[in-house]
Amino acid sequence: MMIVTIQLSKLLIYAKRPYNVIIGEYMSLMAILVFIFGLTNNSIMRLNHEMFSSFLILTPTYQLIYVIIGIIFVLIIGFYLNDKN
């Protein structure tokens, strides 16, 4: 993980935006991820897998994937509009 982080940080030399803006965007994404984990933690801790079929167990996962895809879509649109201006 550290090697990947070091290699990715070398790419920041070629970034169009300042380093602190990129770190701020990363921290915003991490905050959203921690918020999603915090919302789902109590539900996951109380799950009794004997009373669910396999489809019902995967349904919250699909909803979480849809939320993540939506967030990525909004970020891509934001990056596009920011670069266009």
PDB file of N, CA and C in Angstrom:
ATOM      1  N   MET A   1       0.818  -1.189   0.000  1.00  0.00           N
ATOM      2  CA  MET A   1       0.000   0.000   0.000  1.00  0.00           C
ATOM      3  C   MET A   1       0.865   1.258   0.000  1.00  0.00           C
ATOM      4  N   MET A   2       1.951   1.215   0.754  1.00  0.00           N
ATOM      5  CA  MET A   2       2.838   2.379   0.805  1.00  0.00           C
ATOM      6  C   MET A   2       3.520   2.627  -0.536  1.00  0.00           C
ATOM      7  N   ILE A   3       3.889   1.543  -1.219  1.00  0.00           N
ATOM      8  CA  ILE A   3       4.546   1.687  -2.523  1.00  0.00           C
ATOM      9  C   ILE A   3       3.586   2.322  -3.525  1.00  0.00           C
ATOM     10  N   VAL A   4       2.334   1.891  -3.502  1.00  0.00           N
ATOM     11  CA  VAL A   4       1.333   2.461  -4.411  1.00  0.00           C
ATOM     12  C   VAL A   4       1.129   3.940  -4.105  1.00  0.00           C
ATOM     13  N   THR A   5       1.078   4.296  -2.833  1.00  0.00           N
ATOM     14  CA  THR A   5       0.892   5.688  -2.435  1.00  0.00           C
ATOM     15  C   THR A   5       2.063   6.546  -2.889  1.00  0.00           C
ATOM     16  N   ILE A   6       3.264   6.040  -2.746  1.00  0.00           N
ATOM     17  CA  ILE A   6       4.449   6.800  -3.172  1.00  0.00           C
ATOM     18  C   ILE A   6       4.445   6.997  -4.678  1.00  0.00           C
ATOM     19  N   GLN A   7       4.105   5.940  -5.428  1.00  0.00           N
ATOM     20  CA  GLN A   7       4.075   6.059  -6.883  1.00  0.00           C
ATOM     21  C   GLN A   7       2.999   7.039  -7.344  1.00  0.00           C
ATOM     22  N   LEU A   8       1.838   7.010  -6.676  1.00  0.00           N
ATOM     23  CA  LEU A   8       0.774   7.942  -7.044  1.00  0.00           C
ATOM     24  C   LEU A   8       1.132   9.374  -6.678  1.00  0.00           C
ATOM     25  N   SER A   9       1.859   9.562  -5.591  1.00  0.00           N
ATOM     26  CA  SER A   9       2.241  10.923  -5.208  1.00  0.00           C
ATOM     27  C   SER A   9       3.243  11.516  -6.198  1.00  0.00           C
ATOM     28  N   LYS A  10       4.007  10.682  -6.880  1.00  0.00           N
ATOM     29  CA  LYS A  10       4.916  11.191  -7.904  1.00  0.00           C
ATOM     30  C   LYS A  10       4.142  11.765  -9.084  1.00  0.00           C
ATOM     31  N   LEU A  11       2.939  11.257  -9.323  1.00  0.00           N
ATOM     32  CA  LEU A  11       2.113  11.776 -10.416  1.00  0.00           C
ATOM     33  C   LEU A  11       1.550  13.155 -10.112  1.00  0.00           C
ATOM     34  N   LEU A  12       1.536  13.556  -8.846  1.00  0.00           N
ATOM     35  CA  LEU A  12       0.992  14.859  -8.476  1.00  0.00           C
ATOM     36  C   LEU A  12       1.839  16.016  -8.997  1.00  0.00           C
ATOM     37  N   ILE A  13       3.063  15.737  -9.435  1.00  0.00           N
ATOM     38  CA  ILE A  13       3.896  16.782 -10.028  1.00  0.00           C
ATOM     39  C   ILE A  13       3.232  17.325 -11.289  1.00  0.00           C
ATOM     40  N   TYR A  14       2.533  16.445 -12.023  1.00  0.00           N
ATOM     41  CA  TYR A  14       1.910  16.824 -13.282  1.00  0.00           C
ATOM     42  C   TYR A  14       0.459  17.282 -13.122  1.00  0.00           C
ATOM     43  N   ALA A  15      -0.025  17.396 -11.906  1.00  0.00           N
ATOM     44  CA  ALA A  15      -1.419  17.783 -11.672  1.00  0.00           C
ATOM     45  C   ALA A  15      -1.647  19.243 -12.044  1.00  0.00           C
ATOM     46  N   LYS A  16      -2.848  19.535 -12.548  1.00  0.00           N
ATOM     47  CA  LYS A  16      -3.189  20.903 -12.924  1.00  0.00           C
ATOM     48  C   LYS A  16      -3.553  21.749 -11.705  1.00  0.00           C
ATOM     49  N   ARG A  17      -4.055  21.098 -10.685  1.00  0.00           N
ATOM     50  CA  ARG A  17      -4.476  21.813  -9.481  1.00  0.00           C
ATOM     51  C   ARG A  17      -3.407  21.706  -8.403  1.00  0.00           C
ATOM     52  N   PRO A  18      -3.398  22.638  -7.461  1.00  0.00           N
ATOM     53  CA  PRO A  18      -2.411  22.579  -6.375  1.00  0.00           C
ATOM     54  C   PRO A  18      -2.574  21.323  -5.519  1.00  0.00           C
ATOM     55  N   TYR A  19      -1.492  20.957  -4.877  1.00  0.00           N
ATOM     56  CA  TYR A  19      -1.444  19.741  -4.076  1.00  0.00           C
ATOM     57  C   TYR A  19      -2.476  19.761  -2.947  1.00  0.00           C
ATOM     58  N   ASN A  20      -2.660  20.912  -2.281  1.00  0.00           N
ATOM     59  CA  ASN A  20      -3.586  20.965  -1.151  1.00  0.00           C
ATOM     60  C   ASN A  20      -5.038  20.799  -1.607  1.00  0.00           C
ATOM     61  N   VAL A  21      -5.375  21.191  -2.828  1.00  0.00           N
ATOM     62  CA  VAL A  21      -6.726  20.983  -3.339  1.00  0.00           C
ATOM     63  C   VAL A  21      -6.968  19.493  -3.574  1.00  0.00           C
ATOM     64  N   ILE A  22      -5.990  18.818  -4.104  1.00  0.00           N
ATOM     65  CA  ILE A  22      -6.118  17.379  -4.365  1.00  0.00           C
ATOM     66  C   ILE A  22      -6.271  16.620  -3.044  1.00  0.00           C
ATOM     67  N   ILE A  23      -5.477  16.976  -2.052  1.00  0.00           N
ATOM     68  CA  ILE A  23      -5.587  16.332  -0.738  1.00  0.00           C
ATOM     69  C   ILE A  23      -6.947  16.627  -0.120  1.00  0.00           C
ATOM     70  N   GLY A  24      -7.457  17.833  -0.291  1.00  0.00           N
ATOM     71  CA  GLY A  24      -8.780  18.184   0.232  1.00  0.00           C
ATOM     72  C   GLY A  24      -9.883  17.361  -0.405  1.00  0.00           C
ATOM     73  N   GLU A  25      -9.783  17.135  -1.726  1.00  0.00           N
ATOM     74  CA  GLU A  25     -10.769  16.293  -2.400  1.00  0.00           C
ATOM     75  C   GLU A  25     -10.686  14.853  -1.897  1.00  0.00           C
ATOM     76  N   TYR A  26      -9.484  14.357  -1.702  1.00  0.00           N
ATOM     77  CA  TYR A  26      -9.307  13.005  -1.185  1.00  0.00           C
ATOM     78  C   TYR A  26      -9.908  12.870   0.215  1.00  0.00           C
ATOM     79  N   MET A  27      -9.669  13.858   1.050  1.00  0.00           N
ATOM     80  CA  MET A  27     -10.210  13.813   2.406  1.00  0.00           C
ATOM     81  C   MET A  27     -11.742  13.900   2.392  1.00  0.00           C
ATOM     82  N   SER A  28     -12.310  14.642   1.443  1.00  0.00           N
ATOM     83  CA  SER A  28     -13.766  14.703   1.320  1.00  0.00           C
ATOM     84  C   SER A  28     -14.329  13.341   0.940  1.00  0.00           C
ATOM     85  N   LEU A  29     -13.672  12.663   0.015  1.00  0.00           N
ATOM     86  CA  LEU A  29     -14.125  11.318  -0.368  1.00  0.00           C
ATOM     87  C   LEU A  29     -13.997  10.338   0.795  1.00  0.00           C
ATOM     88  N   MET A  30     -12.918  10.443   1.551  1.00  0.00           N
ATOM     89  CA  MET A  30     -12.756   9.562   2.703  1.00  0.00           C
ATOM     90  C   MET A  30     -13.811   9.847   3.766  1.00  0.00           C
ATOM     91  N   ALA A  31     -14.189  11.109   3.931  1.00  0.00           N
ATOM     92  CA  ALA A  31     -15.230  11.463   4.899  1.00  0.00           C
ATOM     93  C   ALA A  31     -16.568  10.860   4.481  1.00  0.00           C
ATOM     94  N   ILE A  32     -16.873  10.886   3.189  1.00  0.00           N
ATOM     95  CA  ILE A  32     -18.112  10.267   2.699  1.00  0.00           C
ATOM     96  C   ILE A  32     -18.084   8.771   2.956  1.00  0.00           C
ATOM     97  N   LEU A  33     -16.942   8.121   2.719  1.00  0.00           N
ATOM     98  CA  LEU A  33     -16.822   6.686   2.952  1.00  0.00           C
ATOM     99  C   LEU A  33     -16.996   6.341   4.425  1.00  0.00           C
ATOM    100  N   VAL A  34     -16.369   7.094   5.304  1.00  0.00           N
ATOM    101  CA  VAL A  34     -16.510   6.847   6.739  1.00  0.00           C
ATOM    102  C   VAL A  34     -17.952   7.087   7.184  1.00  0.00           C
ATOM    103  N   PHE A  35     -18.614   8.094   6.611  1.00  0.00           N
ATOM    104  CA  PHE A  35     -20.011   8.369   6.921  1.00  0.00           C
ATOM    105  C   PHE A  35     -20.894   7.188   6.517  1.00  0.00           C
ATOM    106  N   ILE A  36     -20.652   6.612   5.342  1.00  0.00           N
ATOM    107  CA  ILE A  36     -21.427   5.450   4.893  1.00  0.00           C
ATOM    108  C   ILE A  36     -21.167   4.265   5.808  1.00  0.00           C
ATOM    109  N   PHE A  37     -19.905   4.050   6.190  1.00  0.00           N
ATOM    110  CA  PHE A  37     -19.598   2.960   7.120  1.00  0.00           C
ATOM    111  C   PHE A  37     -20.295   3.171   8.459  1.00  0.00           C
ATOM    112  N   GLY A  38     -20.325   4.402   8.923  1.00  0.00           N
ATOM    113  CA  GLY A  38     -20.972   4.699  10.198  1.00  0.00           C
ATOM    114  C   GLY A  38     -22.476   4.468  10.146  1.00  0.00           C
ATOM    115  N   LEU A  39     -23.104   4.788   9.013  1.00  0.00           N
ATOM    116  CA  LEU A  39     -24.549   4.575   8.884  1.00  0.00           C
ATOM    117  C   LEU A  39     -24.915   3.102   8.847  1.00  0.00           C
ATOM    118  N   THR A  40     -24.069   2.286   8.273  1.00  0.00           N
ATOM    119  CA  THR A  40     -24.399   0.872   8.105  1.00  0.00           C
ATOM    120  C   THR A  40     -23.857  -0.015   9.222  1.00  0.00           C
ATOM    121  N   ASN A  41     -23.057   0.513  10.133  1.00  0.00           N
ATOM    122  CA  ASN A  41     -22.409  -0.318  11.144  1.00  0.00           C
ATOM    123  C   ASN A  41     -23.418  -1.000  12.068  1.00  0.00           C
ATOM    124  N   ASN A  42     -24.397  -0.273  12.611  1.00  0.00           N
ATOM    125  CA  ASN A  42     -25.361  -0.873  13.529  1.00  0.00           C
ATOM    126  C   ASN A  42     -26.192  -1.952  12.844  1.00  0.00           C
ATOM    127  N   SER A  43     -26.595  -1.717  11.614  1.00  0.00           N
ATOM    128  CA  SER A  43     -27.384  -2.714  10.887  1.00  0.00           C
ATOM    129  C   SER A  43     -26.587  -3.988  10.655  1.00  0.00           C
ATOM    130  N   ILE A  44     -25.330  -3.825  10.334  1.00  0.00           N
ATOM    131  CA  ILE A  44     -24.496  -5.002  10.064  1.00  0.00           C
ATOM    132  C   ILE A  44     -24.229  -5.772  11.351  1.00  0.00           C
ATOM    133  N   MET A  45     -24.039  -5.071  12.454  1.00  0.00           N
ATOM    134  CA  MET A  45     -23.767  -5.752  13.720  1.00  0.00           C
ATOM    135  C   MET A  45     -24.969  -6.560  14.205  1.00  0.00           C
ATOM    136  N   ARG A  46     -26.191  -6.134  13.871  1.00  0.00           N
ATOM    137  CA  ARG A  46     -27.393  -6.822  14.355  1.00  0.00           C
ATOM    138  C   ARG A  46     -27.913  -7.878  13.393  1.00  0.00           C
ATOM    139  N   LEU A  47     -27.238  -8.110  12.281  1.00  0.00           N
ATOM    140  CA  LEU A  47     -27.732  -9.077  11.306  1.00  0.00           C
ATOM    141  C   LEU A  47     -27.700 -10.501  11.862  1.00  0.00           C
ATOM    142  N   ASN A  48     -28.762 -11.215  11.634  1.00  0.00           N
ATOM    143  CA  ASN A  48     -28.818 -12.631  11.927  1.00  0.00           C
ATOM    144  C   ASN A  48     -28.946 -13.337  10.586  1.00  0.00           C
ATOM    145  N   HIS A  49     -27.887 -13.963  10.138  1.00  0.00           N
ATOM    146  CA  HIS A  49     -27.839 -14.503   8.790  1.00  0.00           C
ATOM    147  C   HIS A  49     -28.740 -15.718   8.605  1.00  0.00           C
ATOM    148  N   GLU A  50     -29.246 -16.305   9.667  1.00  0.00           N
ATOM    149  CA  GLU A  50     -30.130 -17.467   9.537  1.00  0.00           C
ATOM    150  C   GLU A  50     -31.512 -17.074   9.025  1.00  0.00           C
ATOM    151  N   MET A  51     -31.923 -15.835   9.236  1.00  0.00           N
ATOM    152  CA  MET A  51     -33.263 -15.443   8.836  1.00  0.00           C
ATOM    153  C   MET A  51     -33.324 -14.788   7.461  1.00  0.00           C
ATOM    154  N   PHE A  52     -32.209 -14.682   6.766  1.00  0.00           N
ATOM    155  CA  PHE A  52     -32.177 -14.069   5.447  1.00  0.00           C
ATOM    156  C   PHE A  52     -31.788 -15.070   4.384  1.00  0.00           C
ATOM    157  N   SER A  53     -32.359 -14.894   3.203  1.00  0.00           N
ATOM    158  CA  SER A  53     -31.863 -15.655   2.059  1.00  0.00           C
ATOM    159  C   SER A  53     -30.665 -14.906   1.484  1.00  0.00           C
ATOM    160  N   SER A  54     -29.957 -15.525   0.586  1.00  0.00           N
ATOM    161  CA  SER A  54     -28.750 -14.894   0.058  1.00  0.00           C
ATOM    162  C   SER A  54     -29.077 -13.630  -0.728  1.00  0.00           C
ATOM    163  N   PHE A  55     -30.227 -13.578  -1.399  1.00  0.00           N
ATOM    164  CA  PHE A  55     -30.583 -12.375  -2.151  1.00  0.00           C
ATOM    165  C   PHE A  55     -30.819 -11.185  -1.225  1.00  0.00           C
ATOM    166  N   LEU A  56     -31.483 -11.414  -0.106  1.00  0.00           N
ATOM    167  CA  LEU A  56     -31.769 -10.313   0.808  1.00  0.00           C
ATOM    168  C   LEU A  56     -30.513  -9.791   1.485  1.00  0.00           C
ATOM    169  N   ILE A  57     -29.516 -10.641   1.667  1.00  0.00           N
ATOM    170  CA  ILE A  57     -28.265 -10.187   2.271  1.00  0.00           C
ATOM    171  C   ILE A  57     -27.520  -9.285   1.296  1.00  0.00           C
ATOM    172  N   LEU A  58     -27.599  -9.587  -0.002  1.00  0.00           N
ATOM    173  CA  LEU A  58     -26.873  -8.796  -0.986  1.00  0.00           C
ATOM    174  C   LEU A  58     -27.583  -7.502  -1.358  1.00  0.00           C
ATOM    175  N   THR A  59     -28.868  -7.365  -1.061  1.00  0.00           N
ATOM    176  CA  THR A  59     -29.615  -6.174  -1.461  1.00  0.00           C
ATOM    177  C   THR A  59     -29.027  -4.884  -0.891  1.00  0.00           C
ATOM    178  N   PRO A  60     -28.678  -4.786   0.419  1.00  0.00           N
ATOM    179  CA  PRO A  60     -28.041  -3.545   0.893  1.00  0.00           C
ATOM    180  C   PRO A  60     -26.705  -3.273   0.213  1.00  0.00           C
ATOM    181  N   THR A  61     -25.990  -4.330  -0.172  1.00  0.00           N
ATOM    182  CA  THR A  61     -24.726  -4.141  -0.864  1.00  0.00           C
ATOM    183  C   THR A  61     -24.965  -3.481  -2.216  1.00  0.00           C
ATOM    184  N   TYR A  62     -25.993  -3.930  -2.939  1.00  0.00           N
ATOM    185  CA  TYR A  62     -26.311  -3.312  -4.220  1.00  0.00           C
ATOM    186  C   TYR A  62     -26.698  -1.856  -4.039  1.00  0.00           C
ATOM    187  N   GLN A  63     -27.448  -1.547  -2.998  1.00  0.00           N
ATOM    188  CA  GLN A  63     -27.830  -0.161  -2.759  1.00  0.00           C
ATOM    189  C   GLN A  63     -26.599   0.689  -2.453  1.00  0.00           C
ATOM    190  N   LEU A  64     -25.664   0.145  -1.705  1.00  0.00           N
ATOM    191  CA  LEU A  64     -24.434   0.871  -1.394  1.00  0.00           C
ATOM    192  C   LEU A  64     -23.612   1.099  -2.659  1.00  0.00           C
ATOM    193  N   ILE A  65     -23.572   0.105  -3.531  1.00  0.00           N
ATOM    194  CA  ILE A  65     -22.851   0.259  -4.796  1.00  0.00           C
ATOM    195  C   ILE A  65     -23.494   1.355  -5.634  1.00  0.00           C
ATOM    196  N   TYR A  66     -24.831   1.415  -5.661  1.00  0.00           N
ATOM    197  CA  TYR A  66     -25.519   2.479  -6.404  1.00  0.00           C
ATOM    198  C   TYR A  66     -25.177   3.854  -5.828  1.00  0.00           C
ATOM    199  N   VAL A  67     -25.097   3.964  -4.511  1.00  0.00           N
ATOM    200  CA  VAL A  67     -24.735   5.241  -3.890  1.00  0.00           C
ATOM    201  C   VAL A  67     -23.307   5.633  -4.278  1.00  0.00           C
ATOM    202  N   ILE A  68     -22.390   4.685  -4.260  1.00  0.00           N
ATOM    203  CA  ILE A  68     -21.004   4.975  -4.617  1.00  0.00           C
ATOM    204  C   ILE A  68     -20.907   5.381  -6.086  1.00  0.00           C
ATOM    205  N   ILE A  69     -21.629   4.687  -6.966  1.00  0.00           N
ATOM    206  CA  ILE A  69     -21.624   5.054  -8.386  1.00  0.00           C
ATOM    207  C   ILE A  69     -22.197   6.452  -8.569  1.00  0.00           C
ATOM    208  N   GLY A  70     -23.246   6.802  -7.823  1.00  0.00           N
ATOM    209  CA  GLY A  70     -23.819   8.144  -7.899  1.00  0.00           C
ATOM    210  C   GLY A  70     -22.838   9.208  -7.458  1.00  0.00           C
ATOM    211  N   ILE A  71     -22.109   8.949  -6.378  1.00  0.00           N
ATOM    212  CA  ILE A  71     -21.121   9.913  -5.890  1.00  0.00           C
ATOM    213  C   ILE A  71     -20.011  10.101  -6.922  1.00  0.00           C
ATOM    214  N   ILE A  72     -19.546   9.007  -7.516  1.00  0.00           N
ATOM    215  CA  ILE A  72     -18.507   9.098  -8.541  1.00  0.00           C
ATOM    216  C   ILE A  72     -19.018   9.886  -9.747  1.00  0.00           C
ATOM    217  N   PHE A  73     -20.272   9.650 -10.149  1.00  0.00           N
ATOM    218  CA  PHE A  73     -20.862  10.370 -11.271  1.00  0.00           C
ATOM    219  C   PHE A  73     -20.927  11.873 -10.994  1.00  0.00           C
ATOM    220  N   VAL A  74     -21.342  12.238  -9.795  1.00  0.00           N
ATOM    221  CA  VAL A  74     -21.411  13.656  -9.432  1.00  0.00           C
ATOM    222  C   VAL A  74     -20.014  14.276  -9.417  1.00  0.00           C
ATOM    223  N   LEU A  75     -19.016  13.551  -8.916  1.00  0.00           N
ATOM    224  CA  LEU A  75     -17.650  14.072  -8.905  1.00  0.00           C
ATOM    225  C   LEU A  75     -17.106  14.261 -10.315  1.00  0.00           C
ATOM    226  N   ILE A  76     -17.400  13.325 -11.215  1.00  0.00           N
ATOM    227  CA  ILE A  76     -16.935  13.451 -12.597  1.00  0.00           C
ATOM    228  C   ILE A  76     -17.560  14.672 -13.262  1.00  0.00           C
ATOM    229  N   ILE A  77     -18.852  14.876 -13.041  1.00  0.00           N
ATOM    230  CA  ILE A  77     -19.509  16.065 -13.597  1.00  0.00           C
ATOM    231  C   ILE A  77     -18.891  17.336 -13.006  1.00  0.00           C
ATOM    232  N   GLY A  78     -18.619  17.324 -11.702  1.00  0.00           N
ATOM    233  CA  GLY A  78     -17.981  18.484 -11.078  1.00  0.00           C
ATOM    234  C   GLY A  78     -16.604  18.762 -11.629  1.00  0.00           C
ATOM    235  N   PHE A  79     -15.797  17.721 -11.835  1.00  0.00           N
ATOM    236  CA  PHE A  79     -14.470  17.907 -12.407  1.00  0.00           C
ATOM    237  C   PHE A  79     -14.567  18.463 -13.825  1.00  0.00           C
ATOM    238  N   TYR A  80     -15.521  17.950 -14.608  1.00  0.00           N
ATOM    239  CA  TYR A  80     -15.696  18.416 -15.979  1.00  0.00           C
ATOM    240  C   TYR A  80     -16.091  19.889 -16.017  1.00  0.00           C
ATOM    241  N   LEU A  81     -17.042  20.268 -15.186  1.00  0.00           N
ATOM    242  CA  LEU A  81     -17.480  21.666 -15.156  1.00  0.00           C
ATOM    243  C   LEU A  81     -16.372  22.575 -14.632  1.00  0.00           C
ATOM    244  N   ASN A  82     -15.593  22.103 -13.672  1.00  0.00           N
ATOM    245  CA  ASN A  82     -14.494  22.900 -13.131  1.00  0.00           C
ATOM    246  C   ASN A  82     -13.410  23.108 -14.181  1.00  0.00           C
ATOM    247  N   ASP A  83     -13.082  22.070 -14.939  1.00  0.00           N
ATOM    248  CA  ASP A  83     -12.058  22.200 -15.981  1.00  0.00           C
ATOM    249  C   ASP A  83     -12.564  23.043 -17.149  1.00  0.00           C
ATOM    250  N   LYS A  84     -13.873  22.996 -17.402  1.00  0.00           N
ATOM    251  CA  LYS A  84     -14.453  23.775 -18.497  1.00  0.00           C
ATOM    252  C   LYS A  84     -14.381  25.266 -18.190  1.00  0.00           C
ATOM    253  N   ASN A  85     -14.540  25.625 -16.931  1.00  0.00           N
ATOM    254  CA  ASN A  85     -14.469  27.040 -16.546  1.00  0.00           C
ATOM    255  C   ASN A  85     -13.028  27.459 -16.496  1.00  0.00           C
TER     256      ASN A  85
END
